[in-house]
Amino acid sequence: YIMSESFWDPSRLENLKFSGDPIPHLRKLMMEHPSGNVLSPVFGGATANVEFEALTGFSTSFLNPGVIPYQEMMDKKTFIPSIVSDLEGKGYNTLAIHPYNGVFYKRNVVYNIFGFDQFLDQETMKHNEREPGRVITDLSLTNEILDHIKEQEEPLFIHSVSMQNHMPYNAGAYEENKIRISGLSTESTTMLEVYTEGIRRSDEALKLLADELQKIN
């Protein structure tokens, strides 16, 4: 279960020209398998509310604006029904991975309440490669996921929340932006090309994950 930070298809923006497709591998998978688009309940912040809805099926639309259940409600509970408890009841081991500070949004507390068997953050992940001055890459997260899948004999549910495409999208974030974009101001073009390069790299990491999963007997 991969929640990819700020992942979106930038080529959906109208009146812009892209020198290449940033997500060819995902697009291929979407053509071959059931797929679609999801409307996020938030953007520009409050990632934890997207995560809360995805894991529990509960809507945050009934809460007051600005409320984040992870920070204001869940630490007062001892159990919250979720996909975690459902799969554990079916014999799955469960693992959460977030390549950032484990205390952010109280994930170190919340994941325990959800009943995850194990939680890995930036301090406990084996794969923690970064771009200079940036967060842990999606490629590192993918390798972490693959290691745990290959090591397990029992059914395993992995919930992972990436960080690679979190803002800011400053010039020089990557050694090279492989996709060129035209149709915007210089400042906006720079930001969008950096963002798009991150999405392109996420797409490559997804291909690696899919290809390696196919090799597992």
N, C-alpha and C. Protein backbone atom coordinates (compact mmCIF):
# COMPACT_ATOMS: atom_id res chain seq x y z
N TYR A 1 0.89 -1.16 0.00
CA TYR A 1 0.00 0.00 0.00
C TYR A 1 0.93 1.21 0.00
N ILE A 2 1.07 1.85 -1.18
CA ILE A 2 2.03 2.94 -1.29
C ILE A 2 1.29 4.27 -1.39
N MET A 3 1.52 5.14 -0.41
CA MET A 3 0.99 6.50 -0.50
C MET A 3 2.15 7.39 -0.91
N SER A 4 2.13 7.80 -2.18
CA SER A 4 3.25 8.53 -2.77
C SER A 4 3.03 10.03 -2.61
N GLU A 5 3.90 10.65 -1.81
CA GLU A 5 3.78 12.07 -1.47
C GLU A 5 3.59 12.95 -2.71
N SER A 6 2.48 13.70 -2.72
CA SER A 6 2.21 14.71 -3.76
C SER A 6 2.24 14.15 -5.17
N PHE A 7 1.96 12.86 -5.31
CA PHE A 7 2.03 12.23 -6.64
C PHE A 7 0.81 12.60 -7.49
N TRP A 8 1.10 13.14 -8.66
CA TRP A 8 0.04 13.57 -9.59
C TRP A 8 0.65 13.61 -10.98
N ASP A 9 -0.17 13.48 -12.00
CA ASP A 9 0.31 13.52 -13.38
C ASP A 9 0.38 14.96 -13.86
N PRO A 10 1.57 15.58 -13.88
CA PRO A 10 1.65 17.00 -14.27
C PRO A 10 1.29 17.25 -15.72
N SER A 11 1.34 16.21 -16.56
CA SER A 11 1.00 16.42 -17.97
C SER A 11 -0.49 16.65 -18.19
N ARG A 12 -1.28 16.54 -17.13
CA ARG A 12 -2.71 16.87 -17.24
C ARG A 12 -2.94 18.38 -17.30
N LEU A 13 -1.92 19.16 -16.95
CA LEU A 13 -2.05 20.62 -17.05
C LEU A 13 -2.23 21.02 -18.51
N GLU A 14 -3.19 21.88 -18.75
CA GLU A 14 -3.51 22.26 -20.12
C GLU A 14 -2.57 23.34 -20.65
N ASN A 15 -2.41 23.38 -21.97
CA ASN A 15 -1.66 24.41 -22.68
C ASN A 15 -0.17 24.40 -22.39
N LEU A 16 0.35 23.27 -21.90
CA LEU A 16 1.78 23.12 -21.66
C LEU A 16 2.31 21.99 -22.54
N LYS A 17 3.59 22.08 -22.89
CA LYS A 17 4.23 21.04 -23.68
C LYS A 17 5.33 20.38 -22.84
N PHE A 18 5.30 19.05 -22.79
CA PHE A 18 6.29 18.26 -22.07
C PHE A 18 7.14 17.52 -23.10
N SER A 19 8.45 17.51 -22.89
CA SER A 19 9.35 16.83 -23.83
C SER A 19 9.29 15.32 -23.69
N GLY A 20 8.66 14.83 -22.66
CA GLY A 20 8.50 13.39 -22.46
C GLY A 20 7.40 13.10 -21.46
N ASP A 21 7.02 11.85 -21.38
CA ASP A 21 5.98 11.42 -20.44
C ASP A 21 6.63 11.14 -19.09
N PRO A 22 6.22 11.82 -18.01
CA PRO A 22 6.85 11.60 -16.71
C PRO A 22 6.48 10.27 -16.06
N ILE A 23 5.38 9.65 -16.48
CA ILE A 23 4.95 8.41 -15.80
C ILE A 23 4.61 7.30 -16.81
N PRO A 24 5.54 6.94 -17.70
CA PRO A 24 5.22 5.90 -18.70
C PRO A 24 4.96 4.53 -18.08
N HIS A 25 5.67 4.20 -17.01
CA HIS A 25 5.52 2.87 -16.41
C HIS A 25 4.19 2.73 -15.68
N LEU A 26 3.80 3.77 -14.94
CA LEU A 26 2.50 3.74 -14.29
C LEU A 26 1.39 3.70 -15.33
N ARG A 27 1.55 4.48 -16.39
CA ARG A 27 0.51 4.51 -17.43
C ARG A 27 0.33 3.13 -18.05
N LYS A 28 1.45 2.40 -18.25
CA LYS A 28 1.38 1.05 -18.79
C LYS A 28 0.64 0.12 -17.83
N LEU A 29 0.96 0.21 -16.55
CA LEU A 29 0.28 -0.62 -15.56
C LEU A 29 -1.21 -0.30 -15.51
N MET A 30 -1.55 0.99 -15.66
CA MET A 30 -2.95 1.39 -15.62
C MET A 30 -3.72 0.85 -16.82
N MET A 31 -3.02 0.70 -17.95
CA MET A 31 -3.67 0.15 -19.15
C MET A 31 -3.89 -1.36 -19.00
N GLU A 32 -3.01 -2.02 -18.26
CA GLU A 32 -3.05 -3.48 -18.17
C GLU A 32 -3.89 -3.99 -17.01
N HIS A 33 -4.16 -3.14 -16.02
CA HIS A 33 -4.84 -3.58 -14.80
C HIS A 33 -5.93 -2.57 -14.41
N PRO A 34 -6.86 -2.98 -13.53
CA PRO A 34 -7.86 -2.02 -13.05
C PRO A 34 -7.17 -0.79 -12.47
N SER A 35 -7.67 0.39 -12.83
CA SER A 35 -7.00 1.63 -12.40
C SER A 35 -8.00 2.78 -12.43
N GLY A 36 -7.55 3.91 -11.94
CA GLY A 36 -8.41 5.10 -11.95
C GLY A 36 -7.73 6.23 -11.22
N ASN A 37 -8.49 7.28 -10.96
CA ASN A 37 -7.98 8.44 -10.24
C ASN A 37 -8.67 8.56 -8.89
N VAL A 38 -7.96 9.13 -7.94
CA VAL A 38 -8.48 9.35 -6.60
C VAL A 38 -8.49 10.85 -6.31
N LEU A 39 -9.56 11.33 -5.72
CA LEU A 39 -9.63 12.72 -5.29
C LEU A 39 -9.17 12.79 -3.84
N SER A 40 -8.06 13.48 -3.61
CA SER A 40 -7.51 13.58 -2.27
C SER A 40 -8.38 14.50 -1.42
N PRO A 41 -8.60 14.16 -0.14
CA PRO A 41 -9.40 15.03 0.72
C PRO A 41 -8.66 16.30 1.13
N VAL A 42 -7.34 16.33 0.97
CA VAL A 42 -6.57 17.54 1.29
C VAL A 42 -5.42 17.68 0.30
N PHE A 43 -4.88 18.90 0.19
CA PHE A 43 -3.62 19.09 -0.52
C PHE A 43 -2.93 20.30 0.10
N GLY A 44 -1.61 20.36 -0.06
CA GLY A 44 -0.87 21.47 0.53
C GLY A 44 -0.66 21.34 2.03
N GLY A 45 -0.87 20.15 2.56
CA GLY A 45 -0.71 19.92 3.99
C GLY A 45 -1.67 18.87 4.49
N ALA A 46 -1.52 18.47 5.75
CA ALA A 46 -2.40 17.49 6.41
C ALA A 46 -2.38 16.13 5.71
N THR A 47 -1.19 15.71 5.29
CA THR A 47 -1.04 14.39 4.68
C THR A 47 -1.66 13.29 5.54
N ALA A 48 -1.55 13.45 6.85
CA ALA A 48 -2.03 12.40 7.76
C ALA A 48 -3.53 12.14 7.61
N ASN A 49 -4.29 13.13 7.15
CA ASN A 49 -5.73 12.90 6.98
C ASN A 49 -6.02 12.02 5.78
N VAL A 50 -5.22 12.14 4.73
CA VAL A 50 -5.35 11.22 3.59
C VAL A 50 -5.05 9.80 4.06
N GLU A 51 -3.99 9.68 4.83
CA GLU A 51 -3.56 8.39 5.36
C GLU A 51 -4.63 7.79 6.27
N PHE A 52 -5.20 8.60 7.15
CA PHE A 52 -6.24 8.15 8.07
C PHE A 52 -7.45 7.61 7.30
N GLU A 53 -7.89 8.34 6.28
CA GLU A 53 -9.04 7.89 5.50
C GLU A 53 -8.74 6.59 4.76
N ALA A 54 -7.53 6.50 4.18
CA ALA A 54 -7.18 5.32 3.40
C ALA A 54 -7.08 4.07 4.27
N LEU A 55 -6.56 4.20 5.46
CA LEU A 55 -6.38 3.04 6.34
C LEU A 55 -7.67 2.62 7.03
N THR A 56 -8.53 3.58 7.35
CA THR A 56 -9.72 3.27 8.15
C THR A 56 -11.01 3.24 7.36
N GLY A 57 -11.07 3.98 6.25
CA GLY A 57 -12.33 4.12 5.53
C GLY A 57 -13.24 5.18 6.14
N PHE A 58 -12.80 5.81 7.23
CA PHE A 58 -13.58 6.89 7.85
C PHE A 58 -13.32 8.20 7.13
N SER A 59 -14.36 9.00 6.95
CA SER A 59 -14.19 10.30 6.31
C SER A 59 -13.87 11.38 7.35
N THR A 60 -12.95 12.28 6.99
CA THR A 60 -12.65 13.42 7.87
C THR A 60 -13.55 14.61 7.57
N SER A 61 -14.46 14.46 6.62
CA SER A 61 -15.31 15.60 6.24
C SER A 61 -16.29 15.99 7.35
N PHE A 62 -16.50 15.10 8.32
CA PHE A 62 -17.42 15.40 9.42
C PHE A 62 -16.72 16.09 10.59
N LEU A 63 -15.42 16.26 10.48
CA LEU A 63 -14.66 16.92 11.54
C LEU A 63 -14.55 18.42 11.27
N ASN A 64 -14.25 19.17 12.30
CA ASN A 64 -14.05 20.61 12.11
C ASN A 64 -12.84 20.86 11.23
N PRO A 65 -12.87 21.94 10.42
CA PRO A 65 -11.72 22.25 9.56
C PRO A 65 -10.44 22.35 10.37
N GLY A 66 -9.38 21.74 9.84
CA GLY A 66 -8.08 21.79 10.49
C GLY A 66 -7.81 20.68 11.47
N VAL A 67 -8.82 19.88 11.79
CA VAL A 67 -8.62 18.79 12.75
C VAL A 67 -7.85 17.65 12.08
N ILE A 68 -6.84 17.14 12.76
CA ILE A 68 -6.04 16.01 12.29
C ILE A 68 -6.19 14.88 13.30
N PRO A 69 -6.95 13.83 12.98
CA PRO A 69 -7.21 12.77 13.95
C PRO A 69 -5.96 12.19 14.57
N TYR A 70 -4.89 12.03 13.80
CA TYR A 70 -3.64 11.48 14.33
C TYR A 70 -3.15 12.28 15.54
N GLN A 71 -3.31 13.59 15.49
CA GLN A 71 -2.75 14.45 16.52
C GLN A 71 -3.73 14.74 17.66
N GLU A 72 -5.03 14.70 17.35
CA GLU A 72 -5.99 15.20 18.33
C GLU A 72 -6.97 14.16 18.87
N MET A 73 -7.01 12.97 18.27
CA MET A 73 -8.00 11.99 18.69
C MET A 73 -7.44 10.61 18.97
N MET A 74 -6.56 10.14 18.07
CA MET A 74 -6.19 8.74 18.12
C MET A 74 -5.35 8.36 19.32
N ASP A 75 -4.54 9.30 19.83
CA ASP A 75 -3.71 8.94 20.98
C ASP A 75 -4.52 8.74 22.26
N LYS A 76 -5.82 9.04 22.18
CA LYS A 76 -6.72 8.81 23.32
C LYS A 76 -7.43 7.46 23.20
N LYS A 77 -7.14 6.73 22.13
CA LYS A 77 -7.79 5.45 21.88
C LYS A 77 -6.80 4.31 22.13
N THR A 78 -7.35 3.13 22.33
CA THR A 78 -6.51 1.95 22.43
C THR A 78 -6.65 1.06 21.20
N PHE A 79 -7.71 1.30 20.40
CA PHE A 79 -7.94 0.50 19.19
C PHE A 79 -8.76 1.30 18.20
N ILE A 80 -8.36 1.27 16.94
CA ILE A 80 -9.12 1.87 15.84
C ILE A 80 -9.24 0.80 14.75
N PRO A 81 -10.45 0.40 14.37
CA PRO A 81 -10.58 -0.60 13.30
C PRO A 81 -10.03 -0.05 11.99
N SER A 82 -9.30 -0.90 11.26
CA SER A 82 -8.65 -0.45 10.04
C SER A 82 -8.31 -1.64 9.17
N ILE A 83 -7.74 -1.38 8.01
CA ILE A 83 -7.27 -2.47 7.15
C ILE A 83 -6.19 -3.27 7.87
N VAL A 84 -5.48 -2.63 8.79
CA VAL A 84 -4.43 -3.32 9.56
C VAL A 84 -5.04 -4.43 10.42
N SER A 85 -6.04 -4.07 11.22
CA SER A 85 -6.67 -5.07 12.09
C SER A 85 -7.40 -6.15 11.28
N ASP A 86 -7.97 -5.74 10.15
CA ASP A 86 -8.67 -6.71 9.30
C ASP A 86 -7.71 -7.76 8.75
N LEU A 87 -6.57 -7.29 8.22
CA LEU A 87 -5.61 -8.23 7.64
C LEU A 87 -4.90 -9.05 8.71
N GLU A 88 -4.64 -8.44 9.87
CA GLU A 88 -4.03 -9.23 10.94
C GLU A 88 -4.96 -10.36 11.38
N GLY A 89 -6.27 -10.10 11.33
CA GLY A 89 -7.23 -11.14 11.63
C GLY A 89 -7.22 -12.27 10.61
N LYS A 90 -6.66 -11.99 9.42
CA LYS A 90 -6.57 -12.99 8.36
C LYS A 90 -5.17 -13.62 8.30
N GLY A 91 -4.34 -13.33 9.32
CA GLY A 91 -3.05 -13.99 9.40
C GLY A 91 -1.87 -13.22 8.83
N TYR A 92 -2.06 -11.95 8.51
CA TYR A 92 -0.96 -11.15 7.95
C TYR A 92 -0.09 -10.56 9.04
N ASN A 93 1.22 -10.48 8.78
CA ASN A 93 2.10 -9.61 9.52
C ASN A 93 1.95 -8.21 8.93
N THR A 94 2.24 -7.17 9.72
CA THR A 94 1.99 -5.81 9.24
C THR A 94 3.20 -4.92 9.53
N LEU A 95 3.53 -4.09 8.54
CA LEU A 95 4.70 -3.22 8.62
C LEU A 95 4.34 -1.84 8.06
N ALA A 96 4.72 -0.79 8.77
CA ALA A 96 4.58 0.58 8.29
C ALA A 96 5.97 1.17 8.05
N ILE A 97 6.13 1.89 6.94
CA ILE A 97 7.41 2.52 6.62
C ILE A 97 7.15 3.97 6.24
N HIS A 98 7.88 4.89 6.89
CA HIS A 98 7.80 6.31 6.53
C HIS A 98 9.22 6.88 6.62
N PRO A 99 9.81 7.25 5.46
CA PRO A 99 11.20 7.69 5.45
C PRO A 99 11.39 9.13 5.92
N TYR A 100 10.90 9.41 7.12
CA TYR A 100 11.03 10.74 7.71
C TYR A 100 11.03 10.57 9.23
N ASN A 101 10.90 11.66 9.94
CA ASN A 101 10.89 11.63 11.39
C ASN A 101 9.67 10.86 11.90
N GLY A 102 9.89 9.83 12.68
CA GLY A 102 8.80 8.97 13.12
C GLY A 102 7.79 9.62 14.04
N VAL A 103 8.17 10.73 14.70
CA VAL A 103 7.24 11.38 15.62
C VAL A 103 6.33 12.37 14.89
N PHE A 104 6.62 12.66 13.62
CA PHE A 104 5.81 13.62 12.87
C PHE A 104 4.38 13.09 12.72
N TYR A 105 3.40 13.91 13.02
CA TYR A 105 1.99 13.51 13.05
C TYR A 105 1.74 12.38 14.05
N LYS A 106 2.64 12.22 15.01
CA LYS A 106 2.52 11.17 16.04
C LYS A 106 2.43 9.77 15.46
N ARG A 107 3.06 9.56 14.31
CA ARG A 107 2.97 8.23 13.69
C ARG A 107 3.52 7.14 14.60
N ASN A 108 4.54 7.45 15.38
CA ASN A 108 5.11 6.44 16.28
C ASN A 108 4.08 5.94 17.30
N VAL A 109 3.13 6.80 17.65
CA VAL A 109 2.05 6.42 18.57
C VAL A 109 0.89 5.80 17.81
N VAL A 110 0.50 6.46 16.72
CA VAL A 110 -0.69 6.06 15.96
C VAL A 110 -0.53 4.67 15.35
N TYR A 111 0.63 4.40 14.78
CA TYR A 111 0.82 3.09 14.15
C TYR A 111 0.73 1.96 15.19
N ASN A 112 1.13 2.24 16.39
CA ASN A 112 1.00 1.25 17.46
C ASN A 112 -0.47 1.01 17.80
N ILE A 113 -1.27 2.09 17.79
CA ILE A 113 -2.70 1.96 18.07
C ILE A 113 -3.41 1.20 16.94
N PHE A 114 -2.97 1.45 15.70
CA PHE A 114 -3.52 0.69 14.57
C PHE A 114 -3.18 -0.79 14.70
N GLY A 115 -2.09 -1.10 15.40
CA GLY A 115 -1.71 -2.49 15.60
C GLY A 115 -0.61 -2.98 14.67
N PHE A 116 0.11 -2.05 14.01
CA PHE A 116 1.22 -2.48 13.18
C PHE A 116 2.25 -3.24 14.01
N ASP A 117 2.76 -4.34 13.47
CA ASP A 117 3.78 -5.12 14.17
C ASP A 117 5.10 -4.37 14.25
N GLN A 118 5.39 -3.58 13.20
CA GLN A 118 6.68 -2.90 13.12
C GLN A 118 6.52 -1.57 12.38
N PHE A 119 7.29 -0.58 12.80
CA PHE A 119 7.31 0.73 12.13
C PHE A 119 8.77 1.13 11.91
N LEU A 120 9.09 1.41 10.65
CA LEU A 120 10.42 1.87 10.28
C LEU A 120 10.35 3.33 9.83
N ASP A 121 11.26 4.16 10.35
CA ASP A 121 11.34 5.55 9.91
C ASP A 121 12.74 5.82 9.38
N GLN A 122 13.09 7.09 9.19
CA GLN A 122 14.39 7.42 8.59
C GLN A 122 15.57 6.94 9.43
N GLU A 123 15.35 6.75 10.71
CA GLU A 123 16.43 6.32 11.60
C GLU A 123 16.61 4.80 11.59
N THR A 124 15.58 4.07 11.23
CA THR A 124 15.64 2.61 11.34
C THR A 124 15.58 1.88 10.00
N MET A 125 15.36 2.62 8.90
CA MET A 125 15.41 2.01 7.57
C MET A 125 16.84 1.64 7.21
N LYS A 126 17.00 0.51 6.52
CA LYS A 126 18.34 0.11 6.06
C LYS A 126 18.74 0.92 4.83
N HIS A 127 17.78 1.16 3.95
CA HIS A 127 18.03 1.93 2.74
C HIS A 127 17.62 3.39 3.00
N ASN A 128 18.58 4.29 3.00
CA ASN A 128 18.27 5.69 3.35
C ASN A 128 19.02 6.69 2.47
N GLU A 129 19.24 6.31 1.20
CA GLU A 129 19.93 7.21 0.28
C GLU A 129 19.05 8.43 -0.02
N ARG A 130 19.71 9.58 -0.16
CA ARG A 130 19.01 10.85 -0.41
C ARG A 130 19.67 11.59 -1.57
N GLU A 131 18.88 12.45 -2.22
CA GLU A 131 19.48 13.46 -3.06
C GLU A 131 20.14 14.48 -2.12
N PRO A 132 21.21 15.16 -2.56
CA PRO A 132 21.89 16.13 -1.67
C PRO A 132 20.92 17.16 -1.10
N GLY A 133 20.89 17.23 0.24
CA GLY A 133 20.05 18.22 0.91
C GLY A 133 18.57 17.90 0.91
N ARG A 134 18.21 16.68 0.48
CA ARG A 134 16.80 16.36 0.39
C ARG A 134 16.47 15.13 1.24
N VAL A 135 15.23 14.69 1.10
CA VAL A 135 14.74 13.58 1.90
C VAL A 135 15.10 12.24 1.24
N ILE A 136 14.80 11.15 1.93
CA ILE A 136 15.08 9.80 1.42
C ILE A 136 14.28 9.57 0.14
N THR A 137 14.93 8.97 -0.84
CA THR A 137 14.33 8.81 -2.17
C THR A 137 13.29 7.69 -2.21
N ASP A 138 12.46 7.74 -3.23
CA ASP A 138 11.49 6.66 -3.46
C ASP A 138 12.19 5.36 -3.84
N LEU A 139 13.35 5.47 -4.49
CA LEU A 139 14.11 4.26 -4.82
C LEU A 139 14.56 3.55 -3.54
N SER A 140 15.00 4.32 -2.55
CA SER A 140 15.38 3.72 -1.26
C SER A 140 14.18 3.05 -0.60
N LEU A 141 13.04 3.74 -0.62
CA LEU A 141 11.82 3.18 -0.04
C LEU A 141 11.44 1.88 -0.75
N THR A 142 11.55 1.87 -2.07
CA THR A 142 11.23 0.67 -2.83
C THR A 142 12.13 -0.49 -2.45
N ASN A 143 13.43 -0.23 -2.32
CA ASN A 143 14.36 -1.29 -1.93
C ASN A 143 14.07 -1.79 -0.52
N GLU A 144 13.64 -0.89 0.36
CA GLU A 144 13.26 -1.30 1.72
C GLU A 144 12.05 -2.23 1.68
N ILE A 145 11.05 -1.85 0.88
CA ILE A 145 9.85 -2.67 0.73
C ILE A 145 10.21 -4.06 0.20
N LEU A 146 11.03 -4.09 -0.85
CA LEU A 146 11.39 -5.36 -1.49
C LEU A 146 12.16 -6.27 -0.52
N ASP A 147 13.08 -5.69 0.25
CA ASP A 147 13.82 -6.50 1.22
C ASP A 147 12.89 -7.22 2.17
N HIS A 148 11.89 -6.50 2.69
CA HIS A 148 11.00 -7.11 3.68
C HIS A 148 10.06 -8.13 3.05
N ILE A 149 9.65 -7.89 1.82
CA ILE A 149 8.80 -8.88 1.15
C ILE A 149 9.58 -10.16 0.90
N LYS A 150 10.83 -10.02 0.46
CA LYS A 150 11.63 -11.19 0.13
C LYS A 150 12.04 -11.97 1.37
N GLU A 151 12.14 -11.29 2.50
CA GLU A 151 12.55 -11.95 3.74
C GLU A 151 11.41 -12.72 4.41
N GLN A 152 10.17 -12.41 4.05
CA GLN A 152 9.00 -12.97 4.76
C GLN A 152 8.49 -14.22 4.07
N GLU A 153 8.18 -15.21 4.86
CA GLU A 153 7.49 -16.40 4.36
C GLU A 153 5.98 -16.27 4.55
N GLU A 154 5.59 -15.54 5.60
CA GLU A 154 4.17 -15.36 5.90
C GLU A 154 3.61 -14.19 5.10
N PRO A 155 2.28 -14.13 4.93
CA PRO A 155 1.67 -12.97 4.26
C PRO A 155 2.04 -11.68 4.99
N LEU A 156 2.34 -10.64 4.24
CA LEU A 156 2.80 -9.38 4.82
C LEU A 156 2.07 -8.20 4.18
N PHE A 157 1.50 -7.34 5.02
CA PHE A 157 0.90 -6.08 4.56
C PHE A 157 1.87 -4.95 4.89
N ILE A 158 2.25 -4.19 3.86
CA ILE A 158 3.14 -3.05 4.06
C ILE A 158 2.39 -1.77 3.71
N HIS A 159 2.38 -0.85 4.64
CA HIS A 159 1.84 0.50 4.40
C HIS A 159 3.02 1.45 4.38
N SER A 160 3.24 2.11 3.24
CA SER A 160 4.39 3.01 3.13
C SER A 160 3.94 4.40 2.69
N VAL A 161 4.52 5.41 3.31
CA VAL A 161 4.22 6.81 2.99
C VAL A 161 5.52 7.49 2.59
N SER A 162 5.66 7.84 1.33
CA SER A 162 6.93 8.36 0.82
C SER A 162 7.11 9.84 1.15
N MET A 163 8.30 10.35 0.86
CA MET A 163 8.60 11.77 1.11
C MET A 163 9.24 12.48 -0.08
N GLN A 164 9.68 11.74 -1.08
CA GLN A 164 10.52 12.31 -2.14
C GLN A 164 9.94 13.57 -2.78
N ASN A 165 8.66 13.59 -3.05
CA ASN A 165 8.07 14.69 -3.81
C ASN A 165 7.44 15.78 -2.95
N HIS A 166 7.83 15.82 -1.69
CA HIS A 166 7.37 16.90 -0.82
C HIS A 166 8.01 18.21 -1.26
N MET A 167 7.24 19.30 -1.19
CA MET A 167 7.80 20.61 -1.50
C MET A 167 8.91 20.96 -0.50
N PRO A 168 9.80 21.91 -0.79
CA PRO A 168 9.82 22.84 -1.92
C PRO A 168 10.44 22.20 -3.17
N TYR A 169 10.14 22.82 -4.32
CA TYR A 169 10.65 22.35 -5.60
C TYR A 169 11.64 23.38 -6.13
N ASN A 170 12.78 23.47 -5.47
CA ASN A 170 13.76 24.50 -5.76
C ASN A 170 14.71 24.06 -6.88
N ALA A 171 15.19 25.03 -7.65
CA ALA A 171 16.17 24.76 -8.70
C ALA A 171 17.38 24.06 -8.11
N GLY A 172 17.89 23.06 -8.84
CA GLY A 172 19.06 22.33 -8.38
C GLY A 172 18.77 21.18 -7.45
N ALA A 173 17.50 20.90 -7.22
CA ALA A 173 17.15 19.79 -6.32
C ALA A 173 17.68 18.46 -6.88
N TYR A 174 17.71 18.34 -8.21
CA TYR A 174 18.25 17.15 -8.85
C TYR A 174 19.39 17.57 -9.77
N GLU A 175 20.31 16.64 -9.98
CA GLU A 175 21.45 16.92 -10.84
C GLU A 175 21.00 17.29 -12.25
N GLU A 176 19.92 16.66 -12.70
CA GLU A 176 19.39 16.94 -14.03
C GLU A 176 17.88 16.74 -14.03
N ASN A 177 17.15 17.65 -14.66
CA ASN A 177 15.73 17.47 -14.92
C ASN A 177 15.60 16.97 -16.36
N LYS A 178 15.19 15.73 -16.54
CA LYS A 178 15.23 15.12 -17.86
C LYS A 178 14.07 15.52 -18.76
N ILE A 179 13.01 16.08 -18.18
CA ILE A 179 11.86 16.49 -18.98
C ILE A 179 11.78 18.00 -19.00
N ARG A 180 11.71 18.57 -20.20
CA ARG A 180 11.60 20.01 -20.37
C ARG A 180 10.15 20.40 -20.60
N ILE A 181 9.78 21.55 -20.06
CA ILE A 181 8.38 22.01 -20.12
C ILE A 181 8.35 23.42 -20.68
N SER A 182 7.41 23.69 -21.55
CA SER A 182 7.25 25.05 -22.10
C SER A 182 5.80 25.49 -21.94
N GLY A 183 5.61 26.81 -21.84
CA GLY A 183 4.27 27.36 -21.72
C GLY A 183 4.02 28.11 -20.43
N LEU A 184 5.07 28.25 -19.57
CA LEU A 184 4.94 28.94 -18.29
C LEU A 184 6.03 30.00 -18.16
N SER A 185 5.91 30.84 -17.14
CA SER A 185 6.97 31.78 -16.83
C SER A 185 8.22 31.02 -16.41
N THR A 186 9.37 31.69 -16.42
CA THR A 186 10.63 31.03 -16.07
C THR A 186 10.59 30.46 -14.66
N GLU A 187 10.09 31.24 -13.71
CA GLU A 187 10.03 30.78 -12.32
C GLU A 187 9.14 29.55 -12.17
N SER A 188 7.96 29.61 -12.78
CA SER A 188 7.02 28.49 -12.68
C SER A 188 7.55 27.26 -13.41
N THR A 189 8.24 27.48 -14.54
CA THR A 189 8.81 26.37 -15.30
C THR A 189 9.84 25.63 -14.46
N THR A 190 10.69 26.37 -13.77
CA THR A 190 11.72 25.75 -12.92
C THR A 190 11.08 24.87 -11.85
N MET A 191 10.08 25.40 -11.17
CA MET A 191 9.42 24.62 -10.11
C MET A 191 8.76 23.37 -10.68
N LEU A 192 8.06 23.52 -11.81
CA LEU A 192 7.34 22.39 -12.36
C LEU A 192 8.30 21.33 -12.91
N GLU A 193 9.41 21.76 -13.48
CA GLU A 193 10.38 20.77 -13.98
C GLU A 193 11.01 19.99 -12.84
N VAL A 194 11.28 20.64 -11.72
CA VAL A 194 11.80 19.93 -10.54
C VAL A 194 10.77 18.95 -10.02
N TYR A 195 9.53 19.40 -9.89
CA TYR A 195 8.46 18.51 -9.43
C TYR A 195 8.32 17.32 -10.37
N THR A 196 8.31 17.60 -11.67
CA THR A 196 8.13 16.54 -12.68
C THR A 196 9.27 15.54 -12.64
N GLU A 197 10.49 16.01 -12.40
CA GLU A 197 11.63 15.09 -12.28
C GLU A 197 11.43 14.14 -11.10
N GLY A 198 10.92 14.65 -10.00
CA GLY A 198 10.63 13.79 -8.86
C GLY A 198 9.59 12.74 -9.19
N ILE A 199 8.54 13.15 -9.90
CA ILE A 199 7.49 12.22 -10.30
C ILE A 199 8.05 11.17 -11.26
N ARG A 200 8.91 11.60 -12.18
CA ARG A 200 9.54 10.66 -13.12
C ARG A 200 10.34 9.61 -12.37
N ARG A 201 11.07 10.03 -11.35
CA ARG A 201 11.87 9.10 -10.56
C ARG A 201 10.98 8.17 -9.72
N SER A 202 9.86 8.68 -9.26
CA SER A 202 8.91 7.82 -8.55
C SER A 202 8.37 6.74 -9.48
N ASP A 203 8.12 7.13 -10.72
CA ASP A 203 7.62 6.18 -11.73
C ASP A 203 8.66 5.09 -12.00
N GLU A 204 9.93 5.46 -12.04
CA GLU A 204 10.99 4.47 -12.23
C GLU A 204 11.07 3.52 -11.03
N ALA A 205 10.90 4.07 -9.83
CA ALA A 205 10.92 3.23 -8.63
C ALA A 205 9.75 2.25 -8.65
N LEU A 206 8.60 2.71 -9.13
CA LEU A 206 7.43 1.83 -9.24
C LEU A 206 7.69 0.69 -10.22
N LYS A 207 8.36 0.99 -11.33
CA LYS A 207 8.71 -0.06 -12.29
C LYS A 207 9.61 -1.10 -11.64
N LEU A 208 10.60 -0.65 -10.89
CA LEU A 208 11.48 -1.59 -10.19
C LEU A 208 10.69 -2.48 -9.25
N LEU A 209 9.78 -1.88 -8.50
CA LEU A 209 8.97 -2.66 -7.56
C LEU A 209 8.14 -3.70 -8.30
N ALA A 210 7.47 -3.29 -9.36
CA ALA A 210 6.62 -4.23 -10.13
C ALA A 210 7.45 -5.34 -10.76
N ASP A 211 8.60 -4.96 -11.34
CA ASP A 211 9.45 -5.97 -11.99
C ASP A 211 9.98 -6.98 -10.99
N GLU A 212 10.42 -6.51 -9.82
CA GLU A 212 10.97 -7.41 -8.80
C GLU A 212 9.89 -8.31 -8.20
N LEU A 213 8.69 -7.78 -8.05
CA LEU A 213 7.59 -8.60 -7.51
C LEU A 213 7.26 -9.74 -8.46
N GLN A 214 7.39 -9.49 -9.77
CA GLN A 214 7.10 -10.54 -10.76
C GLN A 214 8.11 -11.70 -10.67
N LYS A 215 9.31 -11.41 -10.16
CA LYS A 215 10.35 -12.43 -10.08
C LYS A 215 10.20 -13.32 -8.85
N ILE A 216 9.41 -12.87 -7.88
CA ILE A 216 9.27 -13.64 -6.65
C ILE A 216 8.35 -14.83 -6.88
N ASN A 217 8.79 -16.00 -6.49
CA ASN A 217 8.00 -17.21 -6.73
C ASN A 217 6.81 -17.26 -5.79
